[in-house]
């Protein structure tokens, strides 16, 4: 009974973390689309949203290891990436004219999935290295370019080792914070730049605390089907609603 309850609690924790990630992603997108850049609320909502991407990458790497069909997993991701592209462009186009805004995050996760597949199946390390580098470069036209593939490599390196996972999260936070510092040079004062960089790292740090302290890797059985499809559907549906609101308010 105790072991069963532990597994159920772990699965519950996983779902709660994913629901939180959906909520923080929504706040991030609201900030990007509707709030004036540089305002306190915009920066706060944006920073909160950084909880999402690294959590999604973490669970992708973990899911890759235990999924019964990697092919089905990949094509499901690819299907919803395709479904989400028009809502993504609708939400993030800055004018009434619909334009291509880069590939959405689900396409990025497809690229990350491809990296994991190459590392698992490649026989020649040089060919694997070139293929992984090509996939990282491909991510340059997608959401969370460069970073999501690098996070994927970090979590694959960590495996199931908690100490290594903590190191992976720490490296990811420092890398992301450093990139934000560089991006803010010339745009903000030193104090503002460091503050925004710290806020950007806080989202990743919160994800690390949630996963490392509340999730032990066991899969629960309650509401598994509902949760899986909710996560896939939430992405295009919320983008479509935000895109329609953007056009209406504009």
Protein backbone atom coordinates (compact mmCIF):
# COMPACT_ATOMS: atom_id res chain seq x y z
CA UNK A 1 0.00 0.00 0.00
CA UNK A 2 2.75 2.45 0.92
CA UNK A 3 4.62 1.83 -2.33
CA UNK A 4 1.45 2.28 -4.37
CA UNK A 5 0.60 5.50 -2.55
CA UNK A 6 4.15 6.77 -3.15
CA UNK A 7 3.89 6.14 -6.88
CA UNK A 8 0.47 7.78 -7.03
CA UNK A 9 1.78 10.81 -5.14
CA UNK A 10 4.75 11.05 -7.53
CA UNK A 11 2.43 10.97 -10.52
CA UNK A 12 0.23 13.60 -8.86
CA UNK A 13 3.33 15.74 -8.31
CA UNK A 14 4.29 15.39 -11.96
CA UNK A 15 0.85 16.49 -13.12
CA UNK A 16 0.77 19.43 -10.69
CA UNK A 17 4.17 20.59 -11.95
CA UNK A 18 2.93 20.36 -15.54
CA UNK A 19 -0.25 22.29 -14.73
CA UNK A 20 1.86 24.99 -13.08
CA UNK A 21 4.04 25.07 -16.20
CA UNK A 22 0.95 25.64 -18.37
CA UNK A 23 -0.13 28.51 -16.12
CA UNK A 24 3.27 30.18 -16.08
CA UNK A 25 3.49 29.82 -19.86
CA UNK A 26 0.14 31.60 -20.16
CA UNK A 27 1.41 34.49 -18.01
CA UNK A 28 4.57 34.72 -20.13
CA UNK A 29 2.56 34.86 -23.35
CA UNK A 30 0.15 37.45 -21.94
CA UNK A 31 3.14 39.62 -21.01
CA UNK A 32 4.75 39.23 -24.44
CA UNK A 33 1.59 39.98 -26.39
CA UNK A 34 -0.28 42.55 -24.31
CA UNK A 35 1.95 44.27 -21.73
CA UNK A 36 4.36 47.15 -22.44
CA UNK A 37 7.95 45.91 -22.46
CA UNK A 38 10.06 47.03 -19.53
CA UNK A 39 7.20 47.50 -17.08
CA UNK A 40 7.38 45.71 -13.75
CA UNK A 41 4.33 43.53 -14.43
CA UNK A 42 5.60 42.57 -17.88
CA UNK A 43 9.03 41.60 -16.58
CA UNK A 44 7.50 39.67 -13.67
CA UNK A 45 5.09 37.68 -15.86
CA UNK A 46 7.85 37.05 -18.37
CA UNK A 47 10.23 35.80 -15.69
CA UNK A 48 7.58 33.54 -14.16
CA UNK A 49 7.12 31.94 -17.57
CA UNK A 50 10.70 30.71 -17.64
CA UNK A 51 9.52 27.98 -15.28
CA UNK A 52 7.80 26.40 -18.27
CA UNK A 53 10.37 25.71 -20.96
CA UNK A 54 12.95 24.00 -18.77
CA UNK A 55 10.22 21.93 -17.10
CA UNK A 56 8.95 20.83 -20.51
CA UNK A 57 12.46 19.85 -21.57
CA UNK A 58 13.03 17.93 -18.33
CA UNK A 59 9.85 15.89 -18.75
CA UNK A 60 10.61 15.34 -22.44
CA UNK A 61 13.98 13.80 -21.57
CA UNK A 62 12.39 11.72 -18.84
CA UNK A 63 9.47 10.69 -21.05
CA UNK A 64 11.84 9.64 -23.82
CA UNK A 65 13.32 7.09 -21.44
CA UNK A 66 10.11 5.37 -20.38
CA UNK A 67 7.72 5.81 -23.34
CA UNK A 68 6.54 2.54 -24.87
CA UNK A 69 6.71 3.88 -28.43
CA UNK A 70 9.21 6.58 -29.26
CA UNK A 71 7.81 6.78 -32.78
CA UNK A 72 4.28 7.52 -31.53
CA UNK A 73 5.65 10.02 -29.01
CA UNK A 74 7.55 11.91 -31.71
CA UNK A 75 4.73 11.98 -34.26
CA UNK A 76 2.27 13.10 -31.58
CA UNK A 77 4.59 16.00 -30.79
CA UNK A 78 5.00 16.76 -34.48
CA UNK A 79 1.23 16.64 -35.10
CA UNK A 80 0.45 19.15 -32.36
CA UNK A 81 3.41 21.30 -33.40
CA UNK A 82 1.81 21.56 -36.84
CA UNK A 83 -1.61 22.27 -35.36
CA UNK A 84 -0.12 24.96 -33.12
CA UNK A 85 1.83 26.88 -35.76
CA UNK A 86 -1.03 29.02 -37.09
CA UNK A 87 -2.26 29.96 -33.58
CA UNK A 88 1.37 30.71 -32.64
CA UNK A 89 1.82 33.09 -35.58
CA UNK A 90 -1.61 34.60 -34.94
CA UNK A 91 -0.71 35.30 -31.32
CA UNK A 92 2.75 36.77 -31.88
CA UNK A 93 2.37 38.69 -35.14
CA UNK A 94 2.69 42.34 -34.17
CA UNK A 95 0.39 43.73 -36.86
CA UNK A 96 -2.95 42.81 -38.42
CA UNK A 97 -1.02 40.95 -41.10
CA UNK A 98 -0.34 37.34 -40.21
CA UNK A 99 3.36 36.55 -40.48
CA UNK A 100 5.72 33.72 -39.68
CA UNK A 101 7.12 34.22 -36.17
CA UNK A 102 9.44 31.24 -36.07
CA UNK A 103 8.61 27.65 -35.18
CA UNK A 104 6.66 27.15 -31.98
CA UNK A 105 7.91 25.43 -28.82
CA UNK A 106 6.51 22.02 -29.76
CA UNK A 107 8.70 22.05 -32.87
CA UNK A 108 11.61 22.85 -30.56
CA UNK A 109 10.70 19.82 -28.46
CA UNK A 110 10.68 17.74 -31.67
CA UNK A 111 14.24 18.93 -32.30
CA UNK A 112 15.20 18.02 -28.74
CA UNK A 113 13.61 14.61 -29.24
CA UNK A 114 15.70 14.21 -32.39
CA UNK A 115 18.86 14.96 -30.39
CA UNK A 116 17.99 12.23 -27.90
CA UNK A 117 17.29 9.76 -30.72
CA UNK A 118 20.61 10.54 -32.44
CA UNK A 119 22.54 10.09 -29.21
CA UNK A 120 20.81 6.78 -28.55
CA UNK A 121 21.09 5.25 -32.01
CA UNK A 122 24.16 6.80 -33.61
CA UNK A 123 27.19 4.50 -33.87
CA UNK A 124 29.87 6.92 -35.01
CA UNK A 125 30.54 9.66 -32.46
CA UNK A 126 31.68 12.13 -35.12
CA UNK A 127 28.52 11.64 -37.14
CA UNK A 128 26.48 11.92 -33.94
CA UNK A 129 28.27 15.13 -33.05
CA UNK A 130 27.61 16.67 -36.46
CA UNK A 131 23.95 15.58 -36.36
CA UNK A 132 23.43 17.01 -32.87
CA UNK A 133 25.10 20.28 -33.89
CA UNK A 134 22.88 20.47 -36.98
CA UNK A 135 19.78 20.00 -34.84
CA UNK A 136 20.94 22.68 -32.41
CA UNK A 137 21.45 25.05 -35.37
CA UNK A 138 17.99 24.14 -36.68
CA UNK A 139 16.54 25.32 -33.38
CA UNK A 140 17.69 28.85 -34.24
CA UNK A 141 14.39 29.38 -36.10
CA UNK A 142 12.26 28.08 -33.23
CA UNK A 143 11.11 29.22 -29.80
CA UNK A 144 13.77 28.83 -27.08
CA UNK A 145 16.46 28.55 -29.75
CA UNK A 146 19.76 27.02 -28.66
CA UNK A 147 18.78 26.84 -25.00
CA UNK A 148 16.24 24.01 -25.12
CA UNK A 149 18.67 21.68 -26.98
CA UNK A 150 21.44 22.54 -24.52
CA UNK A 151 19.09 21.85 -21.60
CA UNK A 152 18.26 18.52 -23.26
CA UNK A 153 21.93 17.58 -23.34
CA UNK A 154 22.32 18.60 -19.69
CA UNK A 155 19.40 16.48 -18.50
CA UNK A 156 20.48 13.51 -20.59
CA UNK A 157 23.92 13.76 -19.01
CA UNK A 158 22.32 13.91 -15.56
CA UNK A 159 20.29 10.75 -16.08
CA UNK A 160 18.46 9.80 -12.89
CA UNK A 161 21.22 11.08 -10.62
CA UNK A 162 19.79 13.77 -8.32
CA UNK A 163 23.14 15.46 -7.76
CA UNK A 164 23.77 15.69 -11.50
CA UNK A 165 20.22 16.95 -12.06
CA UNK A 166 20.85 19.73 -9.54
CA UNK A 167 24.07 20.60 -11.37
CA UNK A 168 22.21 20.57 -14.71
CA UNK A 169 19.59 22.99 -13.38
CA UNK A 170 22.30 25.24 -11.91
CA UNK A 171 24.24 25.36 -15.19
CA UNK A 172 21.02 26.04 -17.10
CA UNK A 173 20.10 28.92 -14.76
CA UNK A 174 23.56 30.48 -14.98
CA UNK A 175 23.64 30.10 -18.76
CA UNK A 176 20.22 31.67 -19.16
CA UNK A 177 21.00 34.47 -16.72
CA UNK A 178 24.28 35.20 -18.51
CA UNK A 179 22.53 35.38 -21.88
CA UNK A 180 19.99 37.80 -20.45
CA UNK A 181 22.77 40.00 -19.06
CA UNK A 182 24.39 40.13 -22.50
CA UNK A 183 21.03 40.86 -24.12
CA UNK A 184 20.38 43.72 -21.72
CA UNK A 185 23.68 45.53 -22.29
CA UNK A 186 22.96 48.97 -23.64
CA UNK A 187 19.23 48.60 -23.01
CA UNK A 188 19.12 48.80 -19.22
CA UNK A 189 21.18 50.28 -16.45
CA UNK A 190 23.55 47.88 -14.67
CA UNK A 191 21.18 47.54 -11.71
CA UNK A 192 18.14 46.89 -13.91
CA UNK A 193 20.09 44.47 -16.08
CA UNK A 194 21.22 42.40 -13.11
CA UNK A 195 17.71 42.46 -11.61
CA UNK A 196 16.08 41.22 -14.83
CA UNK A 197 18.76 38.54 -15.21
CA UNK A 198 18.13 37.37 -11.65
CA UNK A 199 14.37 37.25 -12.31
CA UNK A 200 14.96 35.19 -15.44
CA UNK A 201 17.01 32.70 -13.40
CA UNK A 202 14.32 32.54 -10.69
CA UNK A 203 11.89 30.73 -13.00
CA UNK A 204 14.44 28.00 -13.70
CA UNK A 205 15.37 27.83 -10.02
CA UNK A 206 11.72 27.39 -9.03
CA UNK A 207 11.36 24.59 -11.58
CA UNK A 208 14.45 22.93 -10.11
CA UNK A 209 13.04 23.11 -6.57
CA UNK A 210 9.68 21.72 -7.65
CA UNK A 211 11.17 18.82 -9.57
CA UNK A 212 14.03 17.94 -7.24
CA UNK A 213 12.00 18.18 -4.04
CA UNK A 214 8.54 17.00 -5.11
CA UNK A 215 9.07 14.51 -7.93
CA UNK A 216 10.88 11.18 -7.63
CA UNK A 217 10.40 9.92 -11.19
CA UNK A 218 7.64 7.39 -10.52
CA UNK A 219 4.56 7.62 -12.75
CA UNK A 220 1.09 7.85 -11.30
CA UNK A 221 -1.96 6.20 -12.82
CA UNK A 222 -4.74 8.67 -11.96
CA UNK A 223 -6.14 10.77 -14.83
CA UNK A 224 -3.14 9.87 -17.00
CA UNK A 225 -5.05 10.00 -20.31
CA UNK A 226 -6.83 13.27 -19.46
CA UNK A 227 -3.60 14.92 -18.32
CA UNK A 228 -1.66 13.84 -21.41
CA UNK A 229 -4.20 15.22 -23.88
CA UNK A 230 -4.84 18.34 -21.82
CA UNK A 231 -1.17 19.30 -22.08
CA UNK A 232 -1.14 18.79 -25.83
CA UNK A 233 -4.40 20.68 -26.43
CA UNK A 234 -3.73 23.56 -24.05
CA UNK A 235 -0.86 24.86 -26.17
CA UNK A 236 -2.68 25.54 -29.47
CA UNK A 237 -6.00 26.44 -27.82
CA UNK A 238 -4.60 29.12 -25.51
CA UNK A 239 -2.51 30.57 -28.37
CA UNK A 240 -5.60 30.73 -30.61
CA UNK A 241 -7.58 32.56 -27.91
CA UNK A 242 -4.72 35.02 -27.27
CA UNK A 243 -4.32 35.61 -31.02
CA UNK A 244 -8.01 36.39 -31.44
CA UNK A 245 -7.92 38.72 -28.44
CA UNK A 246 -4.82 40.45 -29.82
CA UNK A 247 -6.54 41.22 -33.12
CA UNK A 248 -9.76 42.28 -31.38
CA UNK A 249 -7.99 44.62 -28.96
CA UNK A 250 -5.68 46.00 -31.62
